[in-house]
Amino acid sequence: MVMGNTAECKVAIIGAGPYGLAASAFLSKAGIEARIFGEPMSFWEHMPRGMCLRSSWSASSIGDPAQEFNLDAFCRENGNHCPKPIPLDRFVAYGHWFQNRVAPQVDRRMVHNIEANGKGFILSLSDAQTLTARRVVVAAGINTFARRPREFDGIPATLATHSSEHRNFDRFKGQSVAVIGAGQSALESAALCREAGVEVEVIARTPQLNWVGLHPRLHHLGFISRMLYSDRDVGPAGISRLVAAPHVFRRFPRKFQDRTAYRAIRPAVAGWLAPRLTDMNISLGRHVVSAAAAGSELRLKLDDGSERLVDHALLATGYQVDISRYGFLSQELATRIKTVGGFPVLRRGFESSVPGLHFLGKPAARSFGPILGFVSGTDFAGIELVRTLKRSQ
């Protein structure tokens, strides 16, 4: 609908990754008018080529109401087999296929600013046009939350970058690179670097690597496995079941939630990556205490007093949610959102302290549990969002 020079809609979805696309699918099926903004699958398209998803097949489909646009349907329609683990480029292709079926009219313009106007929200778009919406669903992903340890403050991008900034590691061929981190991104980046002809050392705080998927038979014990593991594939035995039920999980005391969430998502590496890490130079139980430029190189000092002189540091140090870093939230609006540690405090329907403003994906993880940080949480997100919006009509 257009009023004068300003368009109107009931719901505006910011972001066209898995959570935004799932929200669009569920709202459309429920007959709730929504418009979705953003470049489809943009975050995933900029991840390093050659990576694979750590999540299992059953946990890698984007949610839709009838489960008719899952990975199996994608493979059937395209007449080809998708290997396991799932290659990143195949998942991106699946995401675009999904988008073409549930949100073919996605608006690729970026939302530059959102302000509350008393009746809803005013969105300023990248082409200077404006849109009013009664509700806004933020599903803008985590790219803006890339965590850079303070020891690397002031170090130029020529010497230190976050792993999310790279599409490939060819630029480091013949150089020495220190990969900082102990999770899937760190170890898979290290493997890709070495395979690209890079001299690599992994430096990680953890005293040992945490592996997942090394005992596949535990998932093939029939009823026992179903009791221990959810097909959402988040967390170890037992915890997997609990975090797959967000409304149950969020009823537990806060300290228990925090401990359990960490256990579910602590840095870990998929078992299928192990052969590619054979003879990898990995320094465990160590961390960088200072970093300084040394001419065209980078000098790293570790907590044991040892030093490393490398050409580059690759910071595979994860993401830290802080919604104030969403540049499209106006300052006035951002200050009205109740947060804890950068996470918005959300009630049913993922609604924040600002009525009509909802957050999906990783920003919802503190309120609804760690499953909201994974693709396997998209169906719960869609169902929960629709239930709340239906009740408010």
Protein backbone atom coordinates (compact mmCIF):
# COMPACT_ATOMS: atom_id res chain seq x y z
CA MET A 1 0.00 0.00 0.00
CA VAL A 2 1.24 3.51 -0.80
CA MET A 3 0.13 6.67 1.02
CA GLY A 4 1.47 9.75 -0.77
CA ASN A 5 5.19 9.19 -1.19
CA THR A 6 5.39 6.67 1.66
CA ALA A 7 4.59 2.97 1.32
CA GLU A 8 2.90 1.05 4.14
CA CYS A 9 2.95 -2.53 5.32
CA LYS A 10 1.92 -4.48 8.39
CA VAL A 11 5.25 -6.21 8.98
CA ALA A 12 8.71 -5.33 7.68
CA ILE A 13 11.36 -8.06 7.90
CA ILE A 14 14.95 -6.80 7.99
CA GLY A 15 17.30 -9.45 6.60
CA ALA A 16 16.95 -12.19 3.99
CA GLY A 17 19.05 -14.95 5.50
CA PRO A 18 17.57 -18.18 6.93
CA TYR A 19 15.66 -16.46 9.75
CA GLY A 20 14.26 -13.68 7.60
CA LEU A 21 13.24 -16.13 4.88
CA ALA A 22 11.63 -18.48 7.41
CA ALA A 23 9.70 -15.57 8.95
CA SER A 24 8.48 -14.58 5.49
CA ALA A 25 7.35 -18.13 4.76
CA PHE A 26 5.39 -18.50 8.01
CA LEU A 27 3.80 -15.03 7.86
CA SER A 28 2.76 -15.52 4.25
CA LYS A 29 1.15 -18.86 5.02
CA ALA A 30 -0.72 -17.27 7.93
CA GLY A 31 -2.06 -14.51 5.71
CA ILE A 32 -0.10 -11.76 7.47
CA GLU A 33 1.14 -9.10 5.08
CA ALA A 34 4.90 -8.73 5.25
CA ARG A 35 7.72 -7.27 3.19
CA ILE A 36 11.26 -8.58 3.43
CA PHE A 37 14.35 -6.44 2.80
CA GLY A 38 17.96 -7.39 2.15
CA GLU A 39 20.23 -9.38 -0.12
CA PRO A 40 19.32 -13.08 0.17
CA MET A 41 21.92 -15.26 1.91
CA SER A 42 24.49 -12.43 1.83
CA PHE A 43 26.32 -13.43 5.03
CA TRP A 44 26.68 -17.03 3.89
CA GLU A 45 27.85 -16.01 0.43
CA HIS A 46 30.80 -14.15 1.95
CA MET A 47 32.07 -17.04 4.05
CA PRO A 48 35.29 -18.71 2.83
CA ARG A 49 34.90 -20.97 -0.19
CA GLY A 50 35.44 -24.63 0.59
CA MET A 51 33.83 -24.55 4.02
CA CYS A 52 31.13 -27.02 5.04
CA LEU A 53 28.28 -26.80 7.52
CA ARG A 54 29.02 -28.37 10.90
CA SER A 55 25.33 -29.10 11.44
CA SER A 56 23.80 -32.40 10.40
CA TRP A 57 21.48 -32.86 7.42
CA SER A 58 18.34 -32.92 9.58
CA ALA A 59 19.33 -29.65 11.26
CA SER A 60 20.21 -27.67 8.13
CA SER A 61 16.84 -27.07 6.47
CA ILE A 62 15.27 -23.60 6.70
CA GLY A 63 11.89 -23.69 8.39
CA ASP A 64 8.63 -23.40 6.46
CA PRO A 65 5.10 -24.24 7.62
CA ALA A 66 4.60 -27.44 5.64
CA GLN A 67 8.27 -28.50 5.57
CA GLU A 68 7.95 -28.71 1.80
CA PHE A 69 11.05 -26.66 1.00
CA ASN A 70 13.67 -28.62 2.92
CA LEU A 71 17.03 -29.87 1.71
CA ASP A 72 15.54 -33.14 0.51
CA ALA A 73 13.08 -31.28 -1.70
CA PHE A 74 15.88 -29.09 -3.03
CA CYS A 75 17.92 -32.13 -4.04
CA ARG A 76 14.93 -33.90 -5.60
CA GLU A 77 13.95 -30.89 -7.67
CA ASN A 78 17.50 -30.25 -8.83
CA GLY A 79 18.16 -33.88 -9.61
CA ASN A 80 21.45 -34.04 -7.80
CA HIS A 81 22.96 -35.35 -4.61
CA CYS A 82 24.22 -33.03 -1.88
CA PRO A 83 27.26 -34.50 -0.11
CA LYS A 84 27.65 -34.69 3.64
CA PRO A 85 28.95 -32.65 5.33
CA ILE A 86 27.01 -30.05 3.37
CA PRO A 87 29.33 -27.76 1.34
CA LEU A 88 28.74 -24.08 1.95
CA ASP A 89 28.11 -23.32 -1.73
CA ARG A 90 25.38 -26.00 -1.86
CA PHE A 91 23.70 -24.53 1.22
CA VAL A 92 23.80 -21.06 -0.35
CA ALA A 93 22.24 -22.50 -3.52
CA TYR A 94 19.56 -24.11 -1.37
CA GLY A 95 18.91 -20.77 0.36
CA HIS A 96 18.35 -19.02 -2.97
CA TRP A 97 16.08 -21.86 -4.12
CA PHE A 98 14.11 -21.50 -0.87
CA GLN A 99 13.88 -17.72 -1.32
CA ASN A 100 12.54 -18.05 -4.86
CA ARG A 101 9.69 -20.18 -3.53
CA VAL A 102 8.70 -18.39 -0.34
CA ALA A 103 9.77 -14.77 -0.98
CA PRO A 104 10.21 -14.21 -4.73
CA GLN A 105 9.49 -10.51 -4.31
CA VAL A 106 12.23 -9.86 -1.75
CA ASP A 107 13.21 -6.20 -1.78
CA ARG A 108 16.98 -6.01 -2.12
CA ARG A 109 17.19 -2.45 -0.91
CA MET A 110 18.95 -1.96 2.41
CA VAL A 111 17.21 -0.42 5.41
CA HIS A 112 19.39 2.44 6.60
CA ASN A 113 17.35 3.73 9.53
CA ILE A 114 14.38 2.71 11.68
CA GLU A 115 12.51 5.11 13.92
CA ALA A 116 9.42 4.65 16.06
CA ASN A 117 6.56 7.04 15.28
CA GLY A 118 4.02 6.19 17.97
CA LYS A 119 1.89 4.01 15.70
CA GLY A 120 4.66 1.79 14.42
CA PHE A 121 7.91 2.47 12.64
CA ILE A 122 9.35 4.55 9.82
CA LEU A 123 12.00 2.83 7.71
CA SER A 124 14.41 4.81 5.54
CA LEU A 125 15.67 2.79 2.58
CA SER A 126 18.91 2.93 0.62
CA ASP A 127 17.28 4.82 -2.25
CA ALA A 128 15.99 7.53 0.11
CA GLN A 129 12.41 6.25 0.01
CA THR A 130 10.53 5.62 3.25
CA LEU A 131 8.18 2.92 4.46
CA THR A 132 5.90 2.75 7.47
CA ALA A 133 5.30 -0.56 9.22
CA ARG A 134 3.19 -1.53 12.19
CA ARG A 135 5.77 -4.10 13.21
CA VAL A 136 9.43 -4.69 12.41
CA VAL A 137 11.11 -8.11 12.60
CA VAL A 138 14.89 -7.81 12.79
CA ALA A 139 16.56 -10.89 11.29
CA ALA A 140 19.75 -9.14 10.26
CA GLY A 141 22.21 -11.86 11.20
CA ILE A 142 25.53 -11.65 13.03
CA ASN A 143 28.04 -10.20 10.60
CA THR A 144 28.09 -6.86 12.40
CA PHE A 145 28.89 -8.67 15.67
CA ALA A 146 32.29 -10.06 14.65
CA ARG A 147 34.39 -10.23 17.81
CA ARG A 148 37.90 -8.81 17.66
CA PRO A 149 39.97 -9.32 20.86
CA ARG A 150 41.13 -6.06 22.41
CA GLU A 151 44.77 -7.18 22.11
CA PHE A 152 44.41 -6.45 18.40
CA ASP A 153 43.01 -2.94 18.81
CA GLY A 154 44.89 -0.59 16.53
CA ILE A 155 46.40 -3.36 14.41
CA PRO A 156 45.75 -2.55 10.71
CA ALA A 157 43.81 -4.89 8.43
CA THR A 158 47.02 -5.66 6.54
CA LEU A 159 48.20 -7.56 9.64
CA ALA A 160 45.04 -8.83 11.36
CA THR A 161 41.54 -9.57 10.12
CA HIS A 162 38.48 -11.44 11.33
CA SER A 163 37.80 -14.74 9.57
CA SER A 164 34.42 -13.40 8.39
CA GLU A 165 36.23 -10.89 6.15
CA HIS A 166 37.60 -13.53 3.78
CA ARG A 167 36.07 -15.31 0.79
CA ASN A 168 39.27 -17.32 0.36
CA PHE A 169 42.79 -17.43 1.76
CA ASP A 170 44.77 -17.32 -1.49
CA ARG A 171 46.26 -13.92 -0.59
CA PHE A 172 48.26 -15.60 2.20
CA LYS A 173 49.96 -18.20 0.01
CA GLY A 174 53.62 -18.51 0.98
CA GLN A 175 53.10 -16.47 4.16
CA SER A 176 52.84 -17.37 7.84
CA VAL A 177 49.46 -16.97 9.52
CA ALA A 178 48.45 -17.39 13.17
CA VAL A 179 44.84 -18.52 13.44
CA ILE A 180 43.32 -17.45 16.76
CA GLY A 181 40.49 -19.64 18.07
CA ALA A 182 39.41 -23.19 18.87
CA GLY A 183 36.06 -23.59 17.16
CA GLN A 184 34.91 -24.91 13.81
CA SER A 185 35.62 -21.64 12.02
CA ALA A 186 39.18 -21.50 13.37
CA LEU A 187 40.17 -25.07 12.59
CA GLU A 188 38.45 -25.21 9.21
CA SER A 189 40.02 -21.87 8.27
CA ALA A 190 43.39 -23.27 9.32
CA ALA A 191 42.85 -26.33 7.13
CA LEU A 192 41.85 -24.19 4.16
CA CYS A 193 44.87 -21.94 4.70
CA ARG A 194 47.28 -24.85 4.77
CA GLU A 195 45.66 -26.32 1.65
CA ALA A 196 46.21 -22.94 -0.03
CA GLY A 197 49.94 -23.09 0.67
CA VAL A 198 50.01 -21.08 3.90
CA GLU A 199 52.24 -21.80 6.90
CA VAL A 200 49.75 -22.03 9.77
CA GLU A 201 49.75 -22.14 13.54
CA VAL A 202 46.52 -22.33 15.55
CA ILE A 203 46.62 -20.60 18.94
CA ALA A 204 43.77 -21.45 21.31
CA ARG A 205 42.95 -20.79 24.96
CA THR A 206 41.29 -24.14 25.48
CA PRO A 207 43.55 -26.88 26.89
CA GLN A 208 42.10 -29.38 24.43
CA LEU A 209 39.94 -29.38 21.32
CA ASN A 210 36.31 -30.29 21.77
CA TRP A 211 35.11 -32.70 19.08
CA VAL A 212 31.58 -33.44 17.94
CA GLY A 213 30.38 -36.37 15.87
CA LEU A 214 33.25 -38.72 16.74
CA HIS A 215 30.83 -41.39 17.99
CA PRO A 216 28.13 -41.65 15.32
CA ARG A 217 26.82 -44.93 16.71
CA LEU A 218 25.39 -43.03 19.68
CA HIS A 219 22.88 -41.55 17.23
CA HIS A 220 21.75 -44.96 15.98
CA LEU A 221 20.49 -46.58 19.18
CA GLY A 222 16.81 -46.17 18.38
CA PHE A 223 14.69 -45.01 21.32
CA ILE A 224 17.74 -44.30 23.49
CA SER A 225 19.19 -41.93 20.90
CA ARG A 226 15.85 -40.15 20.48
CA MET A 227 15.75 -39.62 24.25
CA LEU A 228 19.25 -38.14 24.29
CA TYR A 229 19.43 -36.18 21.04
CA SER A 230 17.10 -33.84 19.23
CA ASP A 231 17.23 -33.65 15.45
CA ARG A 232 17.86 -29.93 15.97
CA ASP A 233 21.49 -30.99 16.54
CA VAL A 234 22.48 -28.37 19.12
CA GLY A 235 24.37 -29.57 22.16
CA PRO A 236 25.57 -32.91 23.56
CA ALA A 237 23.44 -35.79 24.86
CA GLY A 238 20.61 -34.64 27.13
CA ILE A 239 21.30 -30.95 26.66
CA SER A 240 20.36 -31.42 22.99
CA ARG A 241 16.82 -32.34 24.04
CA LEU A 242 16.47 -29.48 26.50
CA VAL A 243 17.60 -26.64 24.24
CA ALA A 244 15.35 -27.95 21.45
CA ALA A 245 12.38 -26.92 23.62
CA PRO A 246 12.88 -23.14 24.09
CA HIS A 247 9.75 -22.57 26.17
CA VAL A 248 10.89 -25.25 28.61
CA PHE A 249 14.50 -24.09 28.60
CA ARG A 250 13.61 -20.48 29.42
CA ARG A 251 11.73 -21.53 32.57
CA PHE A 252 14.92 -22.63 34.29
CA PRO A 253 16.92 -20.26 36.53
CA ARG A 254 19.15 -17.83 34.68
CA LYS A 255 22.41 -19.32 35.97
CA PHE A 256 21.36 -22.77 34.79
CA GLN A 257 20.41 -21.37 31.38
CA ASP A 258 23.77 -19.66 30.99
CA ARG A 259 25.79 -22.74 32.00
CA THR A 260 23.72 -25.02 29.80
CA ALA A 261 23.86 -22.66 26.82
CA TYR A 262 27.65 -22.50 27.04
CA ARG A 263 27.86 -26.28 27.20
CA ALA A 264 25.69 -26.46 24.09
CA ILE A 265 27.64 -23.98 21.99
CA ARG A 266 31.18 -23.98 23.39
CA PRO A 267 33.91 -23.94 20.72
CA ALA A 268 33.99 -27.37 19.08
CA VAL A 269 35.16 -29.03 15.89
CA ALA A 270 33.33 -31.52 13.68
CA GLY A 271 34.87 -34.97 13.65
CA TRP A 272 34.95 -35.07 9.86
CA LEU A 273 37.56 -32.30 9.90
CA ALA A 274 40.10 -34.33 11.88
CA PRO A 275 41.93 -35.90 8.89
CA ARG A 276 42.61 -32.46 7.45
CA LEU A 277 44.27 -31.35 10.70
CA THR A 278 46.87 -34.11 10.82
CA ASP A 279 50.25 -32.64 11.83
CA MET A 280 48.70 -29.18 12.11
CA ASN A 281 50.74 -26.86 14.37
CA ILE A 282 48.27 -26.24 17.21
CA SER A 283 49.24 -24.48 20.46
CA LEU A 284 46.58 -25.23 23.10
CA GLY A 285 46.17 -23.57 26.48
CA ARG A 286 47.81 -20.40 25.18
CA HIS A 287 46.47 -16.94 24.40
CA VAL A 288 47.79 -13.71 22.93
CA VAL A 289 48.50 -11.02 25.53
CA SER A 290 49.78 -8.40 23.11
CA ALA A 291 50.09 -7.75 19.40
CA ALA A 292 52.28 -5.13 17.73
CA ALA A 293 53.36 -4.29 14.21
CA ALA A 294 56.99 -5.11 13.48
CA GLY A 295 57.60 -3.55 10.09
CA SER A 296 55.56 -5.53 7.59
CA GLU A 297 55.06 -8.35 10.12
CA LEU A 298 53.07 -8.87 13.30
CA ARG A 299 54.67 -9.74 16.62
CA LEU A 300 52.48 -11.74 18.99
CA LYS A 301 53.36 -12.26 22.64
CA LEU A 302 51.71 -15.21 24.35
CA ASP A 303 50.85 -15.71 28.01
CA ASP A 304 53.77 -18.11 28.51
CA GLY A 305 56.23 -15.41 27.44
CA SER A 306 56.90 -16.89 24.01
CA GLU A 307 56.57 -14.81 20.86
CA ARG A 308 55.49 -15.38 17.29
CA LEU A 309 56.50 -13.27 14.31
CA VAL A 310 53.94 -13.81 11.55
CA ASP A 311 52.73 -12.16 8.39
CA HIS A 312 49.10 -12.10 9.55
CA ALA A 313 46.73 -13.02 12.37
CA LEU A 314 43.39 -14.53 11.38
CA LEU A 315 40.90 -13.89 14.18
CA ALA A 316 38.44 -16.78 14.18
CA THR A 317 37.15 -15.51 17.49
CA GLY A 318 33.42 -15.74 16.90
CA TYR A 319 30.70 -13.18 17.39
CA GLN A 320 29.45 -11.17 20.36
CA VAL A 321 25.86 -9.95 20.11
CA ASP A 322 25.42 -6.22 20.70
CA ILE A 323 22.33 -4.89 18.98
CA SER A 324 23.56 -1.32 19.41
CA ARG A 325 25.91 -2.21 16.54
CA TYR A 326 22.95 -2.60 14.19
CA GLY A 327 23.50 0.67 12.36
CA PHE A 328 19.92 0.83 11.11
CA LEU A 329 18.47 1.32 14.60
CA SER A 330 18.14 5.02 15.31
CA GLN A 331 19.86 6.17 18.48
CA GLU A 332 16.53 7.05 20.08
CA LEU A 333 15.08 3.63 19.27
CA ALA A 334 18.18 1.73 20.38
CA THR A 335 18.17 3.40 23.80
CA ARG A 336 14.56 2.28 24.37
CA ILE A 337 15.35 -1.40 23.89
CA LYS A 338 16.02 -3.18 27.18
CA THR A 339 19.17 -5.25 26.84
CA VAL A 340 21.43 -7.47 28.93
CA GLY A 341 25.00 -7.86 27.76
CA GLY A 342 24.06 -6.60 24.29
CA PHE A 343 21.16 -9.04 23.90
CA PRO A 344 17.61 -7.66 23.72
CA VAL A 345 15.30 -8.88 26.48
CA LEU A 346 12.44 -10.57 24.63
CA ARG A 347 8.99 -11.80 25.58
CA ARG A 348 6.70 -14.15 23.68
CA GLY A 349 6.85 -13.71 19.94
CA PHE A 350 10.42 -12.38 20.23
CA GLU A 351 9.01 -8.93 21.02
CA SER A 352 11.39 -6.48 22.65
CA SER A 353 10.61 -3.82 25.26
CA VAL A 354 9.62 -1.61 22.31
CA PRO A 355 6.14 -2.84 21.30
CA GLY A 356 6.08 -4.13 17.74
CA LEU A 357 9.86 -4.55 17.45
CA HIS A 358 10.95 -8.20 17.26
CA PHE A 359 14.38 -9.87 17.02
CA LEU A 360 15.09 -13.27 15.50
CA GLY A 361 18.24 -15.37 15.27
CA LYS A 362 21.25 -15.05 17.53
CA PRO A 363 20.00 -11.88 19.32
CA ALA A 364 17.08 -13.99 20.60
CA ALA A 365 19.36 -16.66 22.06
CA ARG A 366 19.59 -15.19 25.57
CA SER A 367 15.80 -15.12 25.91
CA PHE A 368 14.94 -18.37 24.12
CA GLY A 369 18.10 -20.46 24.27
CA PRO A 370 21.03 -21.37 22.02
CA ILE A 371 18.95 -23.07 19.33
CA LEU A 372 18.11 -19.56 18.07
CA GLY A 373 21.71 -19.23 16.93
CA PHE A 374 21.35 -22.08 14.42
CA VAL A 375 19.44 -22.75 11.21
CA SER A 376 17.56 -25.50 13.03
CA GLY A 377 15.82 -22.85 15.13
CA THR A 378 14.13 -21.18 12.16
CA ASP A 379 10.96 -23.26 12.30
CA PHE A 380 10.43 -22.52 16.01
CA ALA A 381 11.02 -18.83 15.28
CA GLY A 382 8.42 -18.81 12.51
CA ILE A 383 5.80 -20.62 14.57
CA GLU A 384 6.33 -18.46 17.65
CA LEU A 385 6.24 -15.23 15.64
CA VAL A 386 3.01 -16.14 13.87
CA ARG A 387 1.26 -17.18 17.10
CA THR A 388 1.98 -13.82 18.70
CA LEU A 389 1.06 -11.74 15.68
CA LYS A 390 -2.16 -13.69 15.19
CA ARG A 391 -3.20 -13.00 18.79
CA SER A 392 -2.50 -9.28 18.37
CA GLN A 393 -4.70 -8.85 15.29
